[in-house]
């Protein structure tokens, strides 16, 4: 049983990836309920609490993120980063991104743009370059 934390608040969502599956769970009425079970789409194993996602657009400094899309909901895209999960506004993407696919998303003065799909190798290079420049 998980300890009571910010992640275990009513309505929060987590994505659990393991054994080839991706579970979308929502915390409702004091317990985690699985809403969907999907293929893992090549995502790394782990438990990802979406409430912990950093909002990429809040930073005014130029930045670029390259990583796999973890989750898509009605208003946001959640992307894996070497620093955790990054949250992007869904309106940045011209078409719905594919979960598990890597994308390059850049921000200047808080305004984002999607550069497009990239390979996982390119995503790792972008993230390591971004980390070194911070």
C-alpha atoms as a PDB file:
ATOM      1  CA  UNK A   1       0.000   0.000   0.000  1.00  0.00           C
ATOM      2  CA  UNK A   2       1.285   3.438  -0.942  1.00  0.00           C
ATOM      3  CA  UNK A   3       1.804   6.054   1.718  1.00  0.00           C
ATOM      4  CA  UNK A   4      -0.566   9.005   1.794  1.00  0.00           C
ATOM      5  CA  UNK A   5       1.091  11.706  -0.291  1.00  0.00           C
ATOM      6  CA  UNK A   6       0.426  14.401  -2.825  1.00  0.00           C
ATOM      7  CA  UNK A   7       0.379  11.639  -5.456  1.00  0.00           C
ATOM      8  CA  UNK A   8      -2.472   9.874  -3.637  1.00  0.00           C
ATOM      9  CA  UNK A   9      -4.924  12.745  -3.857  1.00  0.00           C
ATOM     10  CA  UNK A  10      -8.413  12.396  -5.296  1.00  0.00           C
ATOM     11  CA  UNK A  11      -8.459  12.415  -9.097  1.00  0.00           C
ATOM     12  CA  UNK A  12      -4.696  12.014  -9.632  1.00  0.00           C
ATOM     13  CA  UNK A  13      -3.437   9.742 -12.394  1.00  0.00           C
ATOM     14  CA  UNK A  14      -0.432   7.447 -12.541  1.00  0.00           C
ATOM     15  CA  UNK A  15       0.981   5.349 -15.356  1.00  0.00           C
ATOM     16  CA  UNK A  16       2.467   1.978 -14.334  1.00  0.00           C
ATOM     17  CA  UNK A  17       4.647   0.258 -16.923  1.00  0.00           C
ATOM     18  CA  UNK A  18       5.694  -3.350 -16.337  1.00  0.00           C
ATOM     19  CA  UNK A  19       5.580  -6.822 -17.891  1.00  0.00           C
ATOM     20  CA  UNK A  20       4.754  -5.456 -21.360  1.00  0.00           C
ATOM     21  CA  UNK A  21       1.730  -3.497 -20.108  1.00  0.00           C
ATOM     22  CA  UNK A  22       0.923   0.124 -19.369  1.00  0.00           C
ATOM     23  CA  UNK A  23      -1.777   0.669 -16.738  1.00  0.00           C
ATOM     24  CA  UNK A  24      -3.554   4.013 -16.478  1.00  0.00           C
ATOM     25  CA  UNK A  25      -4.711   4.319 -12.854  1.00  0.00           C
ATOM     26  CA  UNK A  26      -6.782   7.044 -11.182  1.00  0.00           C
ATOM     27  CA  UNK A  27      -7.042   7.656  -7.435  1.00  0.00           C
ATOM     28  CA  UNK A  28     -10.755   7.618  -6.585  1.00  0.00           C
ATOM     29  CA  UNK A  29     -12.583   7.173  -3.292  1.00  0.00           C
ATOM     30  CA  UNK A  30      -9.410   6.346  -1.378  1.00  0.00           C
ATOM     31  CA  UNK A  31      -7.973   3.764  -3.756  1.00  0.00           C
ATOM     32  CA  UNK A  32      -6.168   3.408  -7.086  1.00  0.00           C
ATOM     33  CA  UNK A  33      -8.429   2.052  -9.844  1.00  0.00           C
ATOM     34  CA  UNK A  34      -7.166   0.869 -13.214  1.00  0.00           C
ATOM     35  CA  UNK A  35      -8.955   2.808 -15.960  1.00  0.00           C
ATOM     36  CA  UNK A  36      -7.155   1.244 -18.952  1.00  0.00           C
ATOM     37  CA  UNK A  37      -4.625  -1.492 -19.689  1.00  0.00           C
ATOM     38  CA  UNK A  38      -2.571  -0.928 -22.826  1.00  0.00           C
ATOM     39  CA  UNK A  39       0.654  -2.164 -24.441  1.00  0.00           C
ATOM     40  CA  UNK A  40       3.832  -0.614 -23.001  1.00  0.00           C
ATOM     41  CA  UNK A  41       4.820   0.842 -26.433  1.00  0.00           C
ATOM     42  CA  UNK A  42       8.508   0.533 -25.549  1.00  0.00           C
ATOM     43  CA  UNK A  43       8.331   2.722 -22.422  1.00  0.00           C
ATOM     44  CA  UNK A  44      10.763   1.952 -19.591  1.00  0.00           C
ATOM     45  CA  UNK A  45       9.362   0.060 -16.599  1.00  0.00           C
ATOM     46  CA  UNK A  46       8.311   2.207 -13.662  1.00  0.00           C
ATOM     47  CA  UNK A  47       5.492   4.008 -11.899  1.00  0.00           C
ATOM     48  CA  UNK A  48       4.969   7.576 -13.079  1.00  0.00           C
ATOM     49  CA  UNK A  49       2.756   9.965 -11.100  1.00  0.00           C
ATOM     50  CA  UNK A  50       1.544  12.655 -13.493  1.00  0.00           C
ATOM     51  CA  UNK A  51       1.044  15.134 -10.621  1.00  0.00           C
ATOM     52  CA  UNK A  52       4.861  15.232 -10.352  1.00  0.00           C
ATOM     53  CA  UNK A  53       5.273  16.469 -13.943  1.00  0.00           C
ATOM     54  CA  UNK A  54       7.153  19.741 -14.417  1.00  0.00           C
ATOM     55  CA  UNK A  55       5.317  22.311 -16.545  1.00  0.00           C
ATOM     56  CA  UNK A  56       7.760  23.037 -19.371  1.00  0.00           C
ATOM     57  CA  UNK A  57       6.170  26.318 -20.490  1.00  0.00           C
ATOM     58  CA  UNK A  58       6.677  28.112 -17.154  1.00  0.00           C
ATOM     59  CA  UNK A  59      10.403  28.669 -17.745  1.00  0.00           C
ATOM     60  CA  UNK A  60      11.285  31.764 -19.806  1.00  0.00           C
ATOM     61  CA  UNK A  61      14.770  30.475 -20.692  1.00  0.00           C
ATOM     62  CA  UNK A  62      15.112  28.617 -24.018  1.00  0.00           C
ATOM     63  CA  UNK A  63      14.990  24.880 -23.522  1.00  0.00           C
ATOM     64  CA  UNK A  64      14.518  21.746 -25.580  1.00  0.00           C
ATOM     65  CA  UNK A  65      13.144  18.377 -24.491  1.00  0.00           C
ATOM     66  CA  UNK A  66      13.695  15.120 -26.349  1.00  0.00           C
ATOM     67  CA  UNK A  67      12.046  12.017 -24.981  1.00  0.00           C
ATOM     68  CA  UNK A  68       9.288   9.455 -25.249  1.00  0.00           C
ATOM     69  CA  UNK A  69       5.662  10.436 -24.811  1.00  0.00           C
ATOM     70  CA  UNK A  70       4.407   8.728 -21.656  1.00  0.00           C
ATOM     71  CA  UNK A  71       0.735   9.703 -21.651  1.00  0.00           C
ATOM     72  CA  UNK A  72      -1.805  11.795 -23.555  1.00  0.00           C
ATOM     73  CA  UNK A  73      -4.965  13.162 -21.944  1.00  0.00           C
ATOM     74  CA  UNK A  74      -7.612  15.695 -22.971  1.00  0.00           C
ATOM     75  CA  UNK A  75      -5.402  18.741 -22.312  1.00  0.00           C
ATOM     76  CA  UNK A  76      -1.799  17.620 -21.843  1.00  0.00           C
ATOM     77  CA  UNK A  77       1.041  15.559 -23.226  1.00  0.00           C
ATOM     78  CA  UNK A  78       3.401  13.980 -20.674  1.00  0.00           C
ATOM     79  CA  UNK A  79       6.939  13.310 -21.876  1.00  0.00           C
ATOM     80  CA  UNK A  80       9.724  11.375 -20.177  1.00  0.00           C
ATOM     81  CA  UNK A  81      12.857  13.392 -19.515  1.00  0.00           C
ATOM     82  CA  UNK A  82      16.085  12.489 -17.764  1.00  0.00           C
ATOM     83  CA  UNK A  83      14.876  14.757 -14.939  1.00  0.00           C
ATOM     84  CA  UNK A  84      11.446  13.114 -14.629  1.00  0.00           C
ATOM     85  CA  UNK A  85       8.190  13.897 -16.413  1.00  0.00           C
ATOM     86  CA  UNK A  86       7.564  17.076 -18.419  1.00  0.00           C
ATOM     87  CA  UNK A  87       4.050  18.346 -19.115  1.00  0.00           C
ATOM     88  CA  UNK A  88       3.258  20.067 -22.428  1.00  0.00           C
ATOM     89  CA  UNK A  89       0.004  21.670 -23.586  1.00  0.00           C
ATOM     90  CA  UNK A  90      -1.713  19.335 -26.038  1.00  0.00           C
ATOM     91  CA  UNK A  91      -2.342  22.255 -28.410  1.00  0.00           C
ATOM     92  CA  UNK A  92       1.393  22.372 -29.245  1.00  0.00           C
ATOM     93  CA  UNK A  93       1.053  19.152 -31.230  1.00  0.00           C
ATOM     94  CA  UNK A  94      -0.469  19.415 -34.723  1.00  0.00           C
ATOM     95  CA  UNK A  95      -1.590  15.778 -34.515  1.00  0.00           C
ATOM     96  CA  UNK A  96      -1.949  13.465 -31.548  1.00  0.00           C
ATOM     97  CA  UNK A  97       1.483  12.108 -30.598  1.00  0.00           C
ATOM     98  CA  UNK A  98       2.117   8.390 -30.324  1.00  0.00           C
ATOM     99  CA  UNK A  99       2.798   7.086 -26.811  1.00  0.00           C
ATOM    100  CA  UNK A 100       6.307   5.607 -26.730  1.00  0.00           C
ATOM    101  CA  UNK A 101       7.539   7.728 -29.662  1.00  0.00           C
ATOM    102  CA  UNK A 102      10.245  10.353 -29.046  1.00  0.00           C
ATOM    103  CA  UNK A 103       9.544  13.986 -29.924  1.00  0.00           C
ATOM    104  CA  UNK A 104      11.613  17.145 -29.791  1.00  0.00           C
ATOM    105  CA  UNK A 105       9.776  20.031 -28.105  1.00  0.00           C
ATOM    106  CA  UNK A 106      11.427  23.455 -27.800  1.00  0.00           C
ATOM    107  CA  UNK A 107      10.477  26.528 -25.778  1.00  0.00           C
ATOM    108  CA  UNK A 108      11.517  30.168 -26.132  1.00  0.00           C
ATOM    109  CA  UNK A 109      10.132  32.730 -23.684  1.00  0.00           C
ATOM    110  CA  UNK A 110       7.552  30.225 -22.497  1.00  0.00           C
ATOM    111  CA  UNK A 111       6.174  29.514 -25.977  1.00  0.00           C
ATOM    112  CA  UNK A 112       6.554  25.953 -27.194  1.00  0.00           C
ATOM    113  CA  UNK A 113       6.800  24.297 -30.559  1.00  0.00           C
ATOM    114  CA  UNK A 114       7.086  20.667 -31.593  1.00  0.00           C
ATOM    115  CA  UNK A 115      10.047  20.102 -33.891  1.00  0.00           C
ATOM    116  CA  UNK A 116       8.822  16.599 -34.711  1.00  0.00           C
ATOM    117  CA  UNK A 117       9.432  12.918 -34.144  1.00  0.00           C
ATOM    118  CA  UNK A 118      12.993  11.868 -33.386  1.00  0.00           C
ATOM    119  CA  UNK A 119      14.714   8.567 -32.676  1.00  0.00           C
ATOM    120  CA  UNK A 120      15.337   7.425 -29.104  1.00  0.00           C
ATOM    121  CA  UNK A 121      19.080   7.897 -29.682  1.00  0.00           C
ATOM    122  CA  UNK A 122      18.483  11.524 -30.759  1.00  0.00           C
ATOM    123  CA  UNK A 123      16.230  12.020 -27.715  1.00  0.00           C
ATOM    124  CA  UNK A 124      18.942  10.781 -25.349  1.00  0.00           C
ATOM    125  CA  UNK A 125      21.503  13.094 -27.005  1.00  0.00           C
ATOM    126  CA  UNK A 126      19.165  16.096 -26.686  1.00  0.00           C
ATOM    127  CA  UNK A 127      18.424  15.388 -23.039  1.00  0.00           C
ATOM    128  CA  UNK A 128      22.085  14.918 -22.160  1.00  0.00           C
ATOM    129  CA  UNK A 129      22.996  18.150 -23.988  1.00  0.00           C
ATOM    130  CA  UNK A 130      20.188  19.978 -22.136  1.00  0.00           C
ATOM    131  CA  UNK A 131      21.354  18.661 -18.762  1.00  0.00           C
ATOM    132  CA  UNK A 132      24.938  19.744 -19.427  1.00  0.00           C
ATOM    133  CA  UNK A 133      23.819  23.289 -20.314  1.00  0.00           C
ATOM    134  CA  UNK A 134      21.776  23.755 -17.121  1.00  0.00           C
END
